[in-house]
Amino acid sequence: MNSRVTLAGVALVAALLATAGAAAAFTSGGAPVQTQQTATQDNMSDTITVGASGQVQAEADRAVVRVGVVATGDNIQTVRKQLSNNASQMRSALNKMGIDSSQIRTGYYDISTNRRYGGGGQTDQPEYRAVHSFSITVDDPDSVGQVVDTAVTNGANEVDGIQFTLSEDKRESLRQKALSEAMDSARGEASTIASAEDLSVTGVDRVSTTQYNSHTYSVETAALAADGGASTSINSGPVTVSASVTVVYETNSE
């Protein structure tokens, strides 16, 4: 009986010591766990997230001219040969004026019966229609009119449009400027928001670019000179490059 009482007393003392040790561990370091978490949260800076965009314009330094060679007839072999001869003549003429073969790309090629174009019920329509369209990249936008005239007088009989754009180097340079403008705008907006809330911007937590666009200037219909002796004049317009950013700023209370 005495031994059972003794064992019970030892177990009670052990339990009390364990409870005391846990309490000591909870308060070790001079602050409870809850107090330490609060201190960690207090050390974290508040943030402001801002989205902004920048935009710059510049004159085009490149153009893409879209032309087409069309041939029609009742014999498919004759139509195909005519199409090939006219396309070769156009390429050769463009090469002579300084347009390299690598700048002339096929955009579309098709030989079909005229029934496909709604002419099946008309007996006076030729049986076949062939189309070979090209995109011609021009490094000098001022020469676009000359390129159109050369193509049209040497086999091309359709001008589908002209697009004024930018070379890769110039596009990247303008993109960097647009990003700089976007960051300036974001910084100003963040400062305004922080001031309204009695905060001060202390730094940048992270930045991400969310969008990049290049808006070309297009001429959908090239007006060819009615007089065969006159030259075609095409004027380019500005190309717009825009960029957007999202910036997270760190702030502190003033």
C-alpha atoms as a PDB file:
ATOM      1  CA  MET A   1       0.000   0.000   0.000  1.00  0.00           C
ATOM      2  CA  ASN A   2       2.799   2.427   0.936  1.00  0.00           C
ATOM      3  CA  SER A   3       4.618   1.643  -2.253  1.00  0.00           C
ATOM      4  CA  ARG A   4       1.542   2.578  -4.333  1.00  0.00           C
ATOM      5  CA  VAL A   5       1.235   5.941  -2.553  1.00  0.00           C
ATOM      6  CA  THR A   6       4.913   6.607  -3.132  1.00  0.00           C
ATOM      7  CA  LEU A   7       4.646   5.869  -6.850  1.00  0.00           C
ATOM      8  CA  ALA A   8       1.603   8.122  -7.171  1.00  0.00           C
ATOM      9  CA  GLY A   9       3.469  10.944  -5.456  1.00  0.00           C
ATOM     10  CA  VAL A  10       6.446  10.547  -7.776  1.00  0.00           C
ATOM     11  CA  ALA A  11       4.176  10.660 -10.850  1.00  0.00           C
ATOM     12  CA  LEU A  12       2.490  13.847  -9.581  1.00  0.00           C
ATOM     13  CA  VAL A  13       5.824  15.560  -9.006  1.00  0.00           C
ATOM     14  CA  ALA A  14       7.011  14.542 -12.489  1.00  0.00           C
ATOM     15  CA  ALA A  15       3.880  15.972 -14.080  1.00  0.00           C
ATOM     16  CA  LEU A  16       4.301  19.283 -12.244  1.00  0.00           C
ATOM     17  CA  LEU A  17       7.935  19.520 -13.336  1.00  0.00           C
ATOM     18  CA  ALA A  18       6.984  18.844 -16.977  1.00  0.00           C
ATOM     19  CA  THR A  19       4.339  21.580 -16.864  1.00  0.00           C
ATOM     20  CA  ALA A  20       6.815  24.046 -15.401  1.00  0.00           C
ATOM     21  CA  GLY A  21       9.378  23.188 -18.098  1.00  0.00           C
ATOM     22  CA  ALA A  22       6.863  23.796 -20.876  1.00  0.00           C
ATOM     23  CA  ALA A  23       5.941  27.172 -19.388  1.00  0.00           C
ATOM     24  CA  ALA A  24       9.599  28.118 -19.184  1.00  0.00           C
ATOM     25  CA  ALA A  25      10.143  27.104 -22.803  1.00  0.00           C
ATOM     26  CA  PHE A  26       7.134  29.174 -23.876  1.00  0.00           C
ATOM     27  CA  THR A  27       8.555  32.297 -22.255  1.00  0.00           C
ATOM     28  CA  SER A  28      12.233  31.644 -23.084  1.00  0.00           C
ATOM     29  CA  GLY A  29      14.081  34.432 -24.857  1.00  0.00           C
ATOM     30  CA  GLY A  30      12.240  37.105 -22.919  1.00  0.00           C
ATOM     31  CA  ALA A  31       9.040  37.136 -25.075  1.00  0.00           C
ATOM     32  CA  PRO A  32       6.098  34.793 -25.634  1.00  0.00           C
ATOM     33  CA  VAL A  33       5.643  33.188 -29.085  1.00  0.00           C
ATOM     34  CA  GLN A  34       2.652  35.445 -29.811  1.00  0.00           C
ATOM     35  CA  THR A  35       4.763  38.521 -29.026  1.00  0.00           C
ATOM     36  CA  GLN A  36       7.524  37.298 -31.373  1.00  0.00           C
ATOM     37  CA  GLN A  37       5.010  36.831 -34.224  1.00  0.00           C
ATOM     38  CA  THR A  38       3.647  40.323 -33.664  1.00  0.00           C
ATOM     39  CA  ALA A  39       7.168  41.751 -33.785  1.00  0.00           C
ATOM     40  CA  THR A  40       7.826  39.932 -37.061  1.00  0.00           C
ATOM     41  CA  GLN A  41       4.674  41.364 -38.598  1.00  0.00           C
ATOM     42  CA  ASP A  42       5.598  44.858 -37.398  1.00  0.00           C
ATOM     43  CA  ASN A  43       8.948  44.556 -39.201  1.00  0.00           C
ATOM     44  CA  MET A  44       7.254  43.796 -42.531  1.00  0.00           C
ATOM     45  CA  SER A  45       6.810  46.847 -44.781  1.00  0.00           C
ATOM     46  CA  ASP A  46       3.466  47.736 -46.302  1.00  0.00           C
ATOM     47  CA  THR A  47       3.347  47.744 -50.100  1.00  0.00           C
ATOM     48  CA  ILE A  48       1.614  49.636 -52.896  1.00  0.00           C
ATOM     49  CA  THR A  49       1.022  47.913 -56.250  1.00  0.00           C
ATOM     50  CA  VAL A  50       0.811  50.171 -59.289  1.00  0.00           C
ATOM     51  CA  GLY A  51       0.167  49.426 -62.967  1.00  0.00           C
ATOM     52  CA  ALA A  52       1.315  51.989 -65.528  1.00  0.00           C
ATOM     53  CA  SER A  53       2.129  52.294 -69.234  1.00  0.00           C
ATOM     54  CA  GLY A  54       4.415  54.339 -71.463  1.00  0.00           C
ATOM     55  CA  GLN A  55       4.158  55.209 -75.130  1.00  0.00           C
ATOM     56  CA  VAL A  56       6.554  56.629 -77.716  1.00  0.00           C
ATOM     57  CA  GLN A  57       6.259  57.411 -81.418  1.00  0.00           C
ATOM     58  CA  ALA A  58       8.829  57.467 -84.205  1.00  0.00           C
ATOM     59  CA  GLU A  59       8.972  57.592 -87.974  1.00  0.00           C
ATOM     60  CA  ALA A  60       9.050  54.211 -89.681  1.00  0.00           C
ATOM     61  CA  ASP A  61      12.394  52.958 -90.971  1.00  0.00           C
ATOM     62  CA  ARG A  62      10.950  49.923 -92.773  1.00  0.00           C
ATOM     63  CA  ALA A  63       7.943  49.172 -94.990  1.00  0.00           C
ATOM     64  CA  VAL A  64       6.219  46.047 -96.266  1.00  0.00           C
ATOM     65  CA  VAL A  65       4.514  46.290 -99.663  1.00  0.00           C
ATOM     66  CA  ARG A  66       1.928  43.623-100.511  1.00  0.00           C
ATOM     67  CA  VAL A  67       1.354  43.036-104.227  1.00  0.00           C
ATOM     68  CA  GLY A  68      -0.249  40.301-106.291  1.00  0.00           C
ATOM     69  CA  VAL A  69       0.253  38.799-109.727  1.00  0.00           C
ATOM     70  CA  VAL A  70      -2.990  37.530-111.279  1.00  0.00           C
ATOM     71  CA  ALA A  71      -3.429  35.490-114.466  1.00  0.00           C
ATOM     72  CA  THR A  72      -6.630  34.133-116.042  1.00  0.00           C
ATOM     73  CA  GLY A  73      -7.454  31.859-118.968  1.00  0.00           C
ATOM     74  CA  ASP A  74      -9.195  28.729-120.185  1.00  0.00           C
ATOM     75  CA  ASN A  75      -6.098  26.536-120.239  1.00  0.00           C
ATOM     76  CA  ILE A  76      -4.574  25.786-116.868  1.00  0.00           C
ATOM     77  CA  GLN A  77      -1.072  25.225-118.254  1.00  0.00           C
ATOM     78  CA  THR A  78      -1.147  28.564-120.065  1.00  0.00           C
ATOM     79  CA  VAL A  79      -2.399  30.340-116.951  1.00  0.00           C
ATOM     80  CA  ARG A  80       0.287  28.763-114.788  1.00  0.00           C
ATOM     81  CA  LYS A  81       3.019  29.726-117.256  1.00  0.00           C
ATOM     82  CA  GLN A  82       1.756  33.312-117.548  1.00  0.00           C
ATOM     83  CA  LEU A  83       1.680  33.597-113.758  1.00  0.00           C
ATOM     84  CA  SER A  84       5.223  32.254-113.459  1.00  0.00           C
ATOM     85  CA  ASN A  85       6.587  34.546-116.196  1.00  0.00           C
ATOM     86  CA  ASN A  86       4.989  37.680-114.711  1.00  0.00           C
ATOM     87  CA  ALA A  87       6.205  36.837-111.206  1.00  0.00           C
ATOM     88  CA  SER A  88       9.760  36.215-112.467  1.00  0.00           C
ATOM     89  CA  GLN A  89       9.719  39.472-114.449  1.00  0.00           C
ATOM     90  CA  MET A  90       8.613  41.385-111.345  1.00  0.00           C
ATOM     91  CA  ARG A  91      11.302  39.789-109.167  1.00  0.00           C
ATOM     92  CA  SER A  92      13.995  40.584-111.713  1.00  0.00           C
ATOM     93  CA  ALA A  93      12.934  44.231-111.984  1.00  0.00           C
ATOM     94  CA  LEU A  94      12.906  44.619-108.205  1.00  0.00           C
ATOM     95  CA  ASN A  95      16.364  43.038-107.977  1.00  0.00           C
ATOM     96  CA  LYS A  96      17.692  45.593-110.454  1.00  0.00           C
ATOM     97  CA  MET A  97      16.461  48.476-108.281  1.00  0.00           C
ATOM     98  CA  GLY A  98      18.249  47.058-105.239  1.00  0.00           C
ATOM     99  CA  ILE A  99      15.608  44.822-103.638  1.00  0.00           C
ATOM    100  CA  ASP A 100      17.336  41.561-102.683  1.00  0.00           C
ATOM    101  CA  SER A 101      15.570  38.247-103.303  1.00  0.00           C
ATOM    102  CA  SER A 102      15.500  37.623 -99.541  1.00  0.00           C
ATOM    103  CA  GLN A 103      13.282  40.711 -99.202  1.00  0.00           C
ATOM    104  CA  ILE A 104      10.626  39.237-101.505  1.00  0.00           C
ATOM    105  CA  ARG A 105       8.474  36.576 -99.872  1.00  0.00           C
ATOM    106  CA  THR A 106       5.524  34.574-101.185  1.00  0.00           C
ATOM    107  CA  GLY A 107       2.395  35.350 -99.196  1.00  0.00           C
ATOM    108  CA  TYR A 108      -0.170  33.297-101.104  1.00  0.00           C
ATOM    109  CA  TYR A 109      -0.336  31.063-104.174  1.00  0.00           C
ATOM    110  CA  ASP A 110      -3.489  29.595-105.704  1.00  0.00           C
ATOM    111  CA  ILE A 111      -4.845  28.328-109.036  1.00  0.00           C
ATOM    112  CA  SER A 112      -8.585  27.691-109.088  1.00  0.00           C
ATOM    113  CA  THR A 113     -11.538  27.604-111.419  1.00  0.00           C
ATOM    114  CA  ASN A 114     -13.571  30.775-111.614  1.00  0.00           C
ATOM    115  CA  ARG A 115     -16.567  28.938-110.134  1.00  0.00           C
ATOM    116  CA  ARG A 116     -14.805  29.374-106.805  1.00  0.00           C
ATOM    117  CA  TYR A 117     -15.105  33.147-107.249  1.00  0.00           C
ATOM    118  CA  GLY A 118     -18.785  33.131-108.210  1.00  0.00           C
ATOM    119  CA  GLY A 119     -18.249  33.225-111.965  1.00  0.00           C
ATOM    120  CA  GLY A 120     -19.402  29.701-112.780  1.00  0.00           C
ATOM    121  CA  GLY A 121     -22.708  30.852-114.294  1.00  0.00           C
ATOM    122  CA  GLN A 122     -21.152  33.347-116.730  1.00  0.00           C
ATOM    123  CA  THR A 123     -19.935  31.878-120.021  1.00  0.00           C
ATOM    124  CA  ASP A 124     -17.746  34.906-120.827  1.00  0.00           C
ATOM    125  CA  GLN A 125     -15.572  34.370-117.734  1.00  0.00           C
ATOM    126  CA  PRO A 126     -12.226  32.560-118.166  1.00  0.00           C
ATOM    127  CA  GLU A 127     -12.106  29.062-116.765  1.00  0.00           C
ATOM    128  CA  TYR A 128      -9.107  29.484-114.480  1.00  0.00           C
ATOM    129  CA  ARG A 129      -7.805  32.202-112.198  1.00  0.00           C
ATOM    130  CA  ALA A 130      -4.299  32.096-110.680  1.00  0.00           C
ATOM    131  CA  VAL A 131      -2.952  34.332-107.925  1.00  0.00           C
ATOM    132  CA  HIS A 132       0.587  34.708-106.588  1.00  0.00           C
ATOM    133  CA  SER A 133       0.869  37.369-103.868  1.00  0.00           C
ATOM    134  CA  PHE A 134       4.128  38.744-102.457  1.00  0.00           C
ATOM    135  CA  SER A 135       5.289  40.785 -99.470  1.00  0.00           C
ATOM    136  CA  ILE A 136       8.238  43.038-100.287  1.00  0.00           C
ATOM    137  CA  THR A 137      10.262  44.367 -97.356  1.00  0.00           C
ATOM    138  CA  VAL A 138      11.747  47.794 -98.023  1.00  0.00           C
ATOM    139  CA  ASP A 139      14.463  49.273 -95.798  1.00  0.00           C
ATOM    140  CA  ASP A 140      13.921  52.797 -97.146  1.00  0.00           C
ATOM    141  CA  PRO A 141      10.292  53.909 -96.667  1.00  0.00           C
ATOM    142  CA  ASP A 142      10.832  56.809 -99.074  1.00  0.00           C
ATOM    143  CA  SER A 143      11.307  54.317-101.917  1.00  0.00           C
ATOM    144  CA  VAL A 144       7.909  52.643-101.439  1.00  0.00           C
ATOM    145  CA  GLY A 145       6.334  54.524-104.354  1.00  0.00           C
ATOM    146  CA  GLN A 146       9.149  53.415-106.658  1.00  0.00           C
ATOM    147  CA  VAL A 147       8.769  49.813-105.499  1.00  0.00           C
ATOM    148  CA  VAL A 148       5.027  49.906-106.248  1.00  0.00           C
ATOM    149  CA  ASP A 149       5.625  51.382-109.719  1.00  0.00           C
ATOM    150  CA  THR A 150       8.326  48.823-110.526  1.00  0.00           C
ATOM    151  CA  ALA A 151       6.162  45.904-109.410  1.00  0.00           C
ATOM    152  CA  VAL A 152       3.052  47.081-111.275  1.00  0.00           C
ATOM    153  CA  THR A 153       4.857  47.804-114.539  1.00  0.00           C
ATOM    154  CA  ASN A 154       6.611  44.425-114.457  1.00  0.00           C
ATOM    155  CA  GLY A 155       3.903  41.865-113.878  1.00  0.00           C
ATOM    156  CA  ALA A 156       2.013  42.718-110.693  1.00  0.00           C
ATOM    157  CA  ASN A 157      -1.584  43.808-111.203  1.00  0.00           C
ATOM    158  CA  GLU A 158      -2.798  44.116-107.607  1.00  0.00           C
ATOM    159  CA  VAL A 159      -1.547  46.266-104.722  1.00  0.00           C
ATOM    160  CA  ASP A 160      -3.028  44.876-101.514  1.00  0.00           C
ATOM    161  CA  GLY A 161      -1.616  47.406 -99.055  1.00  0.00           C
ATOM    162  CA  ILE A 162       1.459  48.947 -97.495  1.00  0.00           C
ATOM    163  CA  GLN A 163       2.541  48.693 -93.885  1.00  0.00           C
ATOM    164  CA  PHE A 164       5.083  51.079 -92.384  1.00  0.00           C
ATOM    165  CA  THR A 165       6.915  49.509 -89.466  1.00  0.00           C
ATOM    166  CA  LEU A 166      10.236  49.418 -87.588  1.00  0.00           C
ATOM    167  CA  SER A 167      13.448  47.464 -87.848  1.00  0.00           C
ATOM    168  CA  GLU A 168      14.234  45.164 -84.921  1.00  0.00           C
ATOM    169  CA  ASP A 169      16.954  47.447 -83.513  1.00  0.00           C
ATOM    170  CA  LYS A 170      14.790  50.557 -83.620  1.00  0.00           C
ATOM    171  CA  ARG A 171      11.788  48.710 -82.191  1.00  0.00           C
ATOM    172  CA  GLU A 172      13.855  47.507 -79.222  1.00  0.00           C
ATOM    173  CA  SER A 173      15.270  50.996 -78.641  1.00  0.00           C
ATOM    174  CA  LEU A 174      11.757  52.469 -78.567  1.00  0.00           C
ATOM    175  CA  ARG A 175      10.576  49.678 -76.293  1.00  0.00           C
ATOM    176  CA  GLN A 176      13.243  50.628 -73.757  1.00  0.00           C
ATOM    177  CA  LYS A 177      12.086  54.250 -73.874  1.00  0.00           C
ATOM    178  CA  ALA A 178       8.460  53.191 -73.445  1.00  0.00           C
ATOM    179  CA  LEU A 179       9.425  51.084 -70.421  1.00  0.00           C
ATOM    180  CA  SER A 180      11.284  54.055 -68.918  1.00  0.00           C
ATOM    181  CA  GLU A 181       8.192  56.222 -69.345  1.00  0.00           C
ATOM    182  CA  ALA A 182       6.040  53.511 -67.780  1.00  0.00           C
ATOM    183  CA  MET A 183       8.330  53.318 -64.736  1.00  0.00           C
ATOM    184  CA  ASP A 184       8.283  57.122 -64.342  1.00  0.00           C
ATOM    185  CA  SER A 185       4.495  57.061 -64.458  1.00  0.00           C
ATOM    186  CA  ALA A 186       4.318  54.216 -61.927  1.00  0.00           C
ATOM    187  CA  ARG A 187       6.677  56.009 -59.556  1.00  0.00           C
ATOM    188  CA  GLY A 188       4.612  59.204 -59.669  1.00  0.00           C
ATOM    189  CA  GLU A 189       1.373  57.341 -59.089  1.00  0.00           C
ATOM    190  CA  ALA A 190       2.827  55.411 -56.144  1.00  0.00           C
ATOM    191  CA  SER A 191       4.063  58.643 -54.556  1.00  0.00           C
ATOM    192  CA  THR A 192       0.617  60.210 -54.882  1.00  0.00           C
ATOM    193  CA  ILE A 193      -1.076  57.212 -53.267  1.00  0.00           C
ATOM    194  CA  ALA A 194       1.493  57.019 -50.470  1.00  0.00           C
ATOM    195  CA  SER A 195       1.167  60.725 -49.693  1.00  0.00           C
ATOM    196  CA  ALA A 196      -2.611  60.429 -49.420  1.00  0.00           C
ATOM    197  CA  GLU A 197      -2.192  57.663 -46.819  1.00  0.00           C
ATOM    198  CA  ASP A 198       0.642  59.342 -44.852  1.00  0.00           C
ATOM    199  CA  LEU A 199       3.169  56.827 -46.154  1.00  0.00           C
ATOM    200  CA  SER A 200       6.546  57.191 -47.777  1.00  0.00           C
ATOM    201  CA  VAL A 201       7.890  55.038 -50.608  1.00  0.00           C
ATOM    202  CA  THR A 202      11.116  53.374 -49.466  1.00  0.00           C
ATOM    203  CA  GLY A 203      11.958  51.063 -52.342  1.00  0.00           C
ATOM    204  CA  VAL A 204      10.840  48.618 -54.999  1.00  0.00           C
ATOM    205  CA  ASP A 205       9.859  45.107 -54.011  1.00  0.00           C
ATOM    206  CA  ARG A 206       9.392  43.692 -57.538  1.00  0.00           C
ATOM    207  CA  VAL A 207       8.644  44.724 -61.120  1.00  0.00           C
ATOM    208  CA  SER A 208       7.039  42.853 -64.012  1.00  0.00           C
ATOM    209  CA  THR A 209       6.353  43.890 -67.601  1.00  0.00           C
ATOM    210  CA  THR A 210       2.779  43.021 -68.472  1.00  0.00           C
ATOM    211  CA  GLN A 211       2.375  44.134 -72.083  1.00  0.00           C
ATOM    212  CA  TYR A 212       4.293  45.307 -75.146  1.00  0.00           C
ATOM    213  CA  ASN A 213       2.735  46.552 -78.407  1.00  0.00           C
ATOM    214  CA  SER A 214       3.954  48.025 -81.663  1.00  0.00           C
ATOM    215  CA  HIS A 215       1.254  49.762 -83.726  1.00  0.00           C
ATOM    216  CA  THR A 216       2.250  50.049 -87.371  1.00  0.00           C
ATOM    217  CA  TYR A 217       0.952  52.612 -89.841  1.00  0.00           C
ATOM    218  CA  SER A 218      -0.910  50.950 -92.708  1.00  0.00           C
ATOM    219  CA  VAL A 219      -2.059  52.126 -96.124  1.00  0.00           C
ATOM    220  CA  GLU A 220      -4.680  49.600 -97.152  1.00  0.00           C
ATOM    221  CA  THR A 221      -5.198  50.924-100.688  1.00  0.00           C
ATOM    222  CA  ALA A 222      -2.313  52.271-102.709  1.00  0.00           C
ATOM    223  CA  ALA A 223      -3.578  54.918-105.122  1.00  0.00           C
ATOM    224  CA  LEU A 224      -1.744  54.269-108.382  1.00  0.00           C
ATOM    225  CA  ALA A 225      -1.178  57.199-110.685  1.00  0.00           C
ATOM    226  CA  ALA A 226      -3.714  57.299-113.520  1.00  0.00           C
ATOM    227  CA  ASP A 227      -1.118  58.719-115.885  1.00  0.00           C
ATOM    228  CA  GLY A 228       1.415  56.044-116.810  1.00  0.00           C
ATOM    229  CA  GLY A 229       4.183  58.652-116.848  1.00  0.00           C
ATOM    230  CA  ALA A 230       3.629  59.799-113.285  1.00  0.00           C
ATOM    231  CA  SER A 231       5.074  58.082-110.224  1.00  0.00           C
ATOM    232  CA  THR A 232       3.222  56.786-107.211  1.00  0.00           C
ATOM    233  CA  SER A 233       3.732  58.799-104.016  1.00  0.00           C
ATOM    234  CA  ILE A 234       3.134  57.097-100.661  1.00  0.00           C
ATOM    235  CA  ASN A 235       3.678  58.976 -97.403  1.00  0.00           C
ATOM    236  CA  SER A 236       4.425  57.093 -94.189  1.00  0.00           C
ATOM    237  CA  GLY A 237       2.986  57.862 -90.762  1.00  0.00           C
ATOM    238  CA  PRO A 238       4.298  57.437 -87.213  1.00  0.00           C
ATOM    239  CA  VAL A 239       4.711  54.041 -85.584  1.00  0.00           C
ATOM    240  CA  THR A 240       3.680  53.786 -81.934  1.00  0.00           C
ATOM    241  CA  VAL A 241       5.405  51.532 -79.412  1.00  0.00           C
ATOM    242  CA  SER A 242       3.875  51.045 -75.954  1.00  0.00           C
ATOM    243  CA  ALA A 243       4.850  49.057 -72.872  1.00  0.00           C
ATOM    244  CA  SER A 244       3.124  48.366 -69.541  1.00  0.00           C
ATOM    245  CA  VAL A 245       4.561  47.481 -66.139  1.00  0.00           C
ATOM    246  CA  THR A 246       3.325  46.394 -62.732  1.00  0.00           C
ATOM    247  CA  VAL A 247       5.456  47.625 -59.817  1.00  0.00           C
ATOM    248  CA  VAL A 248       5.186  46.714 -56.144  1.00  0.00           C
ATOM    249  CA  TYR A 249       6.639  49.492 -53.928  1.00  0.00           C
ATOM    250  CA  GLU A 250       7.686  49.141 -50.290  1.00  0.00           C
ATOM    251  CA  THR A 251       6.385  51.833 -47.927  1.00  0.00           C
ATOM    252  CA  ASN A 252       6.669  52.934 -44.311  1.00  0.00           C
ATOM    253  CA  SER A 253       4.511  55.142 -42.148  1.00  0.00           C
ATOM    254  CA  GLU A 254       5.739  58.731 -41.910  1.00  0.00           C
END
